[in-house]
Amino acid sequence: MVVSTERWQQYCRCALMACGALACCLALAGCAAKGGTSASESSADLVTPSDEPDARRRARIRLELASNYFEMGQTAVALDEVKQSLASDPTYADAYNLRGLVYLRLNDFAQAEESFRRALALRPSDSNLLHNFGWLLCQQKKYVEADQHFARALNNPAYIARSKTLMARGLCQAGAEQYAEAEQSLIKAYELDAANPVVGYNLAALLLRRNELVRAQFYIRRLNNSEYANSESLWLGIKVERSLGDTVALRQLADQLRKRFPDSREWGAFERGAFNE
């Protein structure tokens, strides 16, 4: 991919994984996945308390607990709650979805894939599930199959978390070295969610790679003027300004990098003059 997004780990966890009907999205302002529900994106009617079967009610309560533990990083406890949810109702697609996310976090791709496949067998047109399975396939560098799942998710006119899937699709296309396609996906994601730092950063990095310096400058300057600026974005900004020959802007960014992130890998690279890192 264009760049690792580890510096925005919380944002990525929220934006790149869709939890469906549960409020699994880690709390962060501007989250791209906010508000998505599988009920509005599938053919099933919304289940209300009066007609929810006892087995499903027990499973839902367990899954709500699992979601909370997952958000708090207590992965083993979350997995145990998911197992109990599925013991109550083995036809609960949302439980398989969260189980897939848990295994994805644990880098157990085989178990994650099995979980997402079982969820999709129960709700094959659910865009959140398609997105999550697509992202798993992307992590395995199965780029063609991943793109097919992203396309299916985006083809659903009721899907409201389009920016999240466009971002993931763009990152995967960049990983597959399909840079023109990646640029188009990231631009569409940016149009829907201009405040997303992962999109802005990767779009700027991609444009720098393609030597479209003025456009790269626009996106990285906007990111570095926001609350999401970090050592990685400042370093990218420095490289863009250096390529454009703007020494004043370069020095201003370098001063920020030195003052705010003196122990960062990026500041070390700047001091060495290692601008290709």
Protein backbone atom coordinates (compact mmCIF):
# COMPACT_ATOMS: atom_id res chain seq x y z
CA MET A 1 0.00 0.00 0.00
CA VAL A 2 1.04 3.61 -0.27
CA VAL A 3 1.87 3.84 3.42
CA SER A 4 1.24 2.16 6.71
CA THR A 5 -1.57 3.83 8.66
CA GLU A 6 -0.34 2.73 12.09
CA ARG A 7 -0.03 6.32 13.34
CA TRP A 8 -3.78 6.66 13.02
CA GLN A 9 -4.48 3.23 14.47
CA GLN A 10 -7.68 4.20 16.24
CA TYR A 11 -9.00 6.05 13.22
CA CYS A 12 -8.18 3.17 10.92
CA ARG A 13 -9.76 0.63 13.23
CA CYS A 14 -12.92 2.66 13.08
CA ALA A 15 -12.83 3.55 9.41
CA LEU A 16 -11.58 0.34 7.85
CA MET A 17 -13.74 -2.19 9.68
CA ALA A 18 -17.52 -2.12 9.69
CA CYS A 19 -19.30 -3.62 12.67
CA GLY A 20 -22.73 -3.65 11.13
CA ALA A 21 -25.72 -3.33 13.42
CA LEU A 22 -23.58 -3.13 16.55
CA ALA A 23 -21.93 0.06 17.73
CA CYS A 24 -18.51 -1.59 17.42
CA CYS A 25 -16.86 1.44 15.86
CA LEU A 26 -14.23 2.77 18.22
CA ALA A 27 -15.22 6.22 19.45
CA LEU A 28 -13.54 8.95 17.44
CA ALA A 29 -14.91 12.17 16.02
CA GLY A 30 -15.57 12.00 12.30
CA CYS A 31 -15.52 8.23 12.07
CA ALA A 32 -16.27 7.15 8.53
CA ALA A 33 -18.24 4.11 9.66
CA LYS A 34 -20.48 6.03 12.01
CA GLY A 35 -24.16 5.34 11.77
CA GLY A 36 -24.03 2.26 9.56
CA THR A 37 -26.56 -0.43 10.28
CA SER A 38 -27.04 -3.68 8.53
CA ALA A 39 -30.81 -3.54 9.02
CA SER A 40 -31.19 -0.65 6.58
CA GLU A 41 -28.97 -2.39 4.02
CA SER A 42 -30.50 -5.85 3.91
CA SER A 43 -33.86 -7.22 2.93
CA ALA A 44 -34.73 -8.33 6.46
CA ASP A 45 -37.29 -6.34 8.44
CA LEU A 46 -36.08 -4.53 11.53
CA VAL A 47 -36.52 -6.76 14.58
CA THR A 48 -38.32 -4.96 17.42
CA PRO A 49 -38.45 -6.05 21.09
CA SER A 50 -41.99 -7.37 20.73
CA ASP A 51 -41.14 -9.93 18.07
CA GLU A 52 -37.51 -10.73 18.90
CA PRO A 53 -37.19 -14.44 19.77
CA ASP A 54 -35.73 -15.27 23.17
CA ALA A 55 -32.71 -16.96 21.60
CA ARG A 56 -31.93 -13.91 19.51
CA ARG A 57 -32.42 -11.59 22.50
CA ARG A 58 -29.92 -13.59 24.55
CA ALA A 59 -27.52 -13.65 21.64
CA ARG A 60 -27.86 -9.90 21.10
CA ILE A 61 -27.14 -9.11 24.74
CA ARG A 62 -24.04 -11.28 24.65
CA LEU A 63 -22.93 -9.63 21.44
CA GLU A 64 -23.37 -6.16 22.90
CA LEU A 65 -21.05 -7.21 25.72
CA ALA A 66 -18.61 -8.66 23.20
CA SER A 67 -18.65 -5.41 21.26
CA ASN A 68 -17.82 -3.40 24.37
CA TYR A 69 -14.94 -5.70 25.27
CA PHE A 70 -13.68 -5.54 21.68
CA GLU A 71 -13.65 -1.76 21.78
CA MET A 72 -11.72 -1.82 25.06
CA GLY A 73 -9.10 -4.11 23.56
CA GLN A 74 -10.05 -7.12 25.69
CA THR A 75 -9.96 -9.45 22.73
CA ALA A 76 -10.04 -12.80 24.55
CA VAL A 77 -13.06 -11.78 26.63
CA ALA A 78 -14.81 -10.42 23.52
CA LEU A 79 -14.24 -13.71 21.72
CA ASP A 80 -15.67 -15.67 24.63
CA GLU A 81 -18.81 -13.50 24.62
CA VAL A 82 -19.15 -13.99 20.86
CA LYS A 83 -18.98 -17.74 21.34
CA GLN A 84 -21.76 -17.57 23.92
CA SER A 85 -23.80 -15.38 21.59
CA LEU A 86 -23.52 -17.97 18.83
CA ALA A 87 -24.35 -20.74 21.28
CA SER A 88 -27.65 -18.98 21.90
CA ASP A 89 -28.32 -18.32 18.22
CA PRO A 90 -26.06 -19.96 15.59
CA THR A 91 -27.88 -18.05 12.82
CA TYR A 92 -26.79 -14.61 14.07
CA ALA A 93 -24.85 -12.98 11.21
CA ASP A 94 -23.68 -10.03 13.35
CA ALA A 95 -22.01 -12.44 15.77
CA TYR A 96 -20.05 -14.09 12.97
CA ASN A 97 -19.10 -10.64 11.73
CA LEU A 98 -17.68 -9.58 15.09
CA ARG A 99 -15.95 -12.94 15.43
CA GLY A 100 -14.29 -12.22 12.09
CA LEU A 101 -13.15 -8.80 13.31
CA VAL A 102 -11.71 -10.34 16.47
CA TYR A 103 -9.71 -12.89 14.49
CA LEU A 104 -8.65 -10.21 12.03
CA ARG A 105 -7.22 -8.22 14.94
CA LEU A 106 -5.41 -11.40 16.06
CA ASN A 107 -4.04 -11.88 12.51
CA ASP A 108 -5.73 -15.28 12.35
CA PHE A 109 -6.82 -14.89 8.75
CA ALA A 110 -8.16 -18.42 8.34
CA GLN A 111 -10.59 -18.09 11.25
CA ALA A 112 -11.53 -14.56 10.20
CA GLU A 113 -12.32 -15.74 6.68
CA GLU A 114 -14.43 -18.60 7.94
CA SER A 115 -16.37 -16.19 10.16
CA PHE A 116 -17.03 -13.65 7.42
CA ARG A 117 -18.07 -16.36 4.98
CA ARG A 118 -20.61 -17.69 7.47
CA ALA A 119 -21.94 -14.17 8.05
CA LEU A 120 -22.29 -13.59 4.30
CA ALA A 121 -24.04 -16.93 3.87
CA LEU A 122 -26.72 -15.57 6.19
CA ARG A 123 -26.80 -12.04 4.72
CA PRO A 124 -25.12 -12.15 1.29
CA SER A 125 -26.02 -8.59 0.25
CA ASP A 126 -24.95 -6.81 3.46
CA SER A 127 -22.48 -4.11 2.46
CA ASN A 128 -20.81 -3.97 5.88
CA LEU A 129 -20.06 -7.69 5.71
CA LEU A 130 -18.83 -7.39 2.13
CA HIS A 131 -16.56 -4.53 3.17
CA ASN A 132 -15.07 -6.45 6.08
CA PHE A 133 -14.42 -9.54 4.01
CA GLY A 134 -12.92 -7.39 1.28
CA TRP A 135 -10.55 -5.78 3.79
CA LEU A 136 -9.50 -9.21 5.07
CA LEU A 137 -8.75 -10.33 1.51
CA CYS A 138 -6.75 -7.16 0.98
CA GLN A 139 -4.59 -7.97 4.03
CA GLN A 140 -3.85 -11.29 2.37
CA LYS A 141 -2.93 -9.49 -0.88
CA LYS A 142 -5.83 -11.13 -2.70
CA TYR A 143 -6.44 -7.83 -4.43
CA VAL A 144 -8.72 -8.95 -7.27
CA GLU A 145 -11.13 -10.78 -4.99
CA ALA A 146 -11.00 -7.94 -2.45
CA ASP A 147 -11.91 -5.41 -5.11
CA GLN A 148 -14.88 -7.51 -6.17
CA HIS A 149 -16.25 -7.42 -2.62
CA PHE A 150 -15.72 -3.67 -2.33
CA ALA A 151 -17.52 -3.19 -5.64
CA ARG A 152 -20.47 -5.27 -4.44
CA ALA A 153 -20.66 -3.23 -1.23
CA LEU A 154 -20.63 0.04 -3.16
CA ASN A 155 -23.26 -1.17 -5.64
CA ASN A 156 -25.84 -1.16 -2.84
CA PRO A 157 -27.66 2.20 -3.14
CA ALA A 158 -28.70 2.03 0.54
CA TYR A 159 -25.11 1.76 1.78
CA ILE A 160 -24.26 4.84 3.83
CA ALA A 161 -20.60 4.16 4.71
CA ARG A 162 -19.34 4.58 1.17
CA SER A 163 -16.34 6.74 2.08
CA LYS A 164 -14.96 3.97 4.30
CA THR A 165 -15.17 1.38 1.53
CA LEU A 166 -13.78 3.76 -1.10
CA MET A 167 -10.83 4.42 1.20
CA ALA A 168 -10.18 0.71 1.75
CA ARG A 169 -10.55 0.06 -1.97
CA GLY A 170 -8.05 2.80 -2.78
CA LEU A 171 -5.51 1.43 -0.29
CA CYS A 172 -5.85 -2.04 -1.77
CA GLN A 173 -5.56 -0.75 -5.33
CA ALA A 174 -2.36 1.04 -4.33
CA GLY A 175 -1.11 -2.20 -2.82
CA ALA A 176 -1.79 -3.87 -6.16
CA GLU A 177 0.15 -1.03 -7.86
CA GLN A 178 -2.99 0.14 -9.63
CA TYR A 179 -2.15 3.76 -8.91
CA ALA A 180 -4.56 5.46 -11.30
CA GLU A 181 -7.47 3.44 -9.92
CA ALA A 182 -6.29 4.07 -6.35
CA GLU A 183 -6.24 7.82 -6.96
CA GLN A 184 -9.82 7.79 -8.23
CA SER A 185 -11.07 5.76 -5.27
CA LEU A 186 -9.29 7.98 -2.74
CA ILE A 187 -10.55 11.16 -4.40
CA LYS A 188 -14.11 9.87 -4.17
CA ALA A 189 -13.54 8.98 -0.52
CA TYR A 190 -12.12 12.45 0.11
CA GLU A 191 -15.15 14.09 -1.50
CA LEU A 192 -17.37 12.25 1.00
CA ASP A 193 -15.11 12.64 4.06
CA ALA A 194 -12.51 15.36 3.63
CA ALA A 195 -11.58 15.26 7.32
CA ASN A 196 -10.37 11.66 7.17
CA PRO A 197 -6.59 11.80 7.80
CA VAL A 198 -5.94 8.36 6.32
CA VAL A 199 -7.47 9.37 3.01
CA GLY A 200 -5.74 12.75 2.92
CA TYR A 201 -2.34 11.29 3.76
CA ASN A 202 -2.48 8.43 1.30
CA LEU A 203 -3.84 10.64 -1.46
CA ALA A 204 -0.98 13.12 -0.96
CA ALA A 205 1.58 10.28 -0.86
CA LEU A 206 0.19 8.80 -4.05
CA LEU A 207 0.26 12.15 -5.84
CA LEU A 208 3.85 12.75 -4.70
CA ARG A 209 4.77 9.35 -6.10
CA ARG A 210 3.21 10.39 -9.41
CA ASN A 211 5.06 13.75 -9.26
CA GLU A 212 1.83 15.74 -9.11
CA LEU A 213 3.37 18.06 -6.57
CA VAL A 214 0.90 20.96 -6.42
CA ARG A 215 -2.01 18.59 -5.86
CA ALA A 216 -0.04 16.64 -3.26
CA GLN A 217 0.74 19.93 -1.50
CA PHE A 218 -2.96 20.80 -1.29
CA TYR A 219 -3.91 17.58 0.51
CA ILE A 220 -0.93 17.35 2.86
CA ARG A 221 -1.10 21.01 3.86
CA ARG A 222 -4.74 20.60 4.77
CA LEU A 223 -3.91 17.56 6.89
CA ASN A 224 -0.97 19.26 8.61
CA ASN A 225 -3.19 22.21 9.50
CA SER A 226 -5.64 19.87 11.25
CA GLU A 227 -5.71 18.13 14.62
CA TYR A 228 -4.57 14.90 12.96
CA ALA A 229 -1.11 16.16 11.97
CA ASN A 230 1.65 13.86 13.24
CA SER A 231 5.28 13.08 12.54
CA GLU A 232 4.42 11.01 9.49
CA SER A 233 2.26 13.69 7.89
CA LEU A 234 4.78 16.44 8.68
CA TRP A 235 7.55 14.37 7.11
CA LEU A 236 5.48 13.85 3.97
CA GLY A 237 4.79 17.59 3.89
CA ILE A 238 8.52 18.28 4.12
CA LYS A 239 9.20 16.00 1.15
CA VAL A 240 6.47 17.66 -0.90
CA GLU A 241 7.72 21.19 -0.13
CA ARG A 242 11.30 20.13 -0.86
CA SER A 243 10.25 18.78 -4.25
CA LEU A 244 8.51 22.09 -4.98
CA GLY A 245 11.52 24.10 -3.78
CA ASP A 246 9.61 25.95 -1.07
CA THR A 247 12.34 26.25 1.57
CA VAL A 248 10.29 28.52 3.83
CA ALA A 249 7.43 26.02 4.15
CA LEU A 250 9.95 23.20 4.50
CA ARG A 251 11.66 24.90 7.43
CA GLN A 252 8.36 25.63 9.16
CA LEU A 253 7.36 21.98 8.94
CA ALA A 254 10.81 20.86 10.09
CA ASP A 255 10.54 23.12 13.13
CA GLN A 256 7.19 21.54 14.01
CA LEU A 257 8.61 18.06 13.56
CA ARG A 258 11.59 18.85 15.81
CA LYS A 259 9.53 20.47 18.55
CA ARG A 260 6.62 18.05 18.62
CA PHE A 261 8.28 14.74 17.69
CA PRO A 262 11.99 14.99 18.55
CA ASP A 263 12.34 11.23 19.10
CA SER A 264 10.48 10.18 15.95
CA ARG A 265 11.94 8.15 13.12
CA GLU A 266 10.97 10.97 10.77
CA TRP A 267 13.00 13.59 12.64
CA GLY A 268 15.98 11.26 12.59
CA ALA A 269 15.57 10.87 8.83
CA PHE A 270 15.41 14.63 8.40
CA GLU A 271 18.60 15.15 10.35
CA ARG A 272 20.35 12.59 8.15
CA GLY A 273 18.93 14.17 5.00
CA ALA A 274 17.35 10.80 4.14
CA PHE A 275 14.49 12.20 2.06
CA ASN A 276 13.90 8.94 0.22
CA GLU A 277 12.87 7.10 3.38
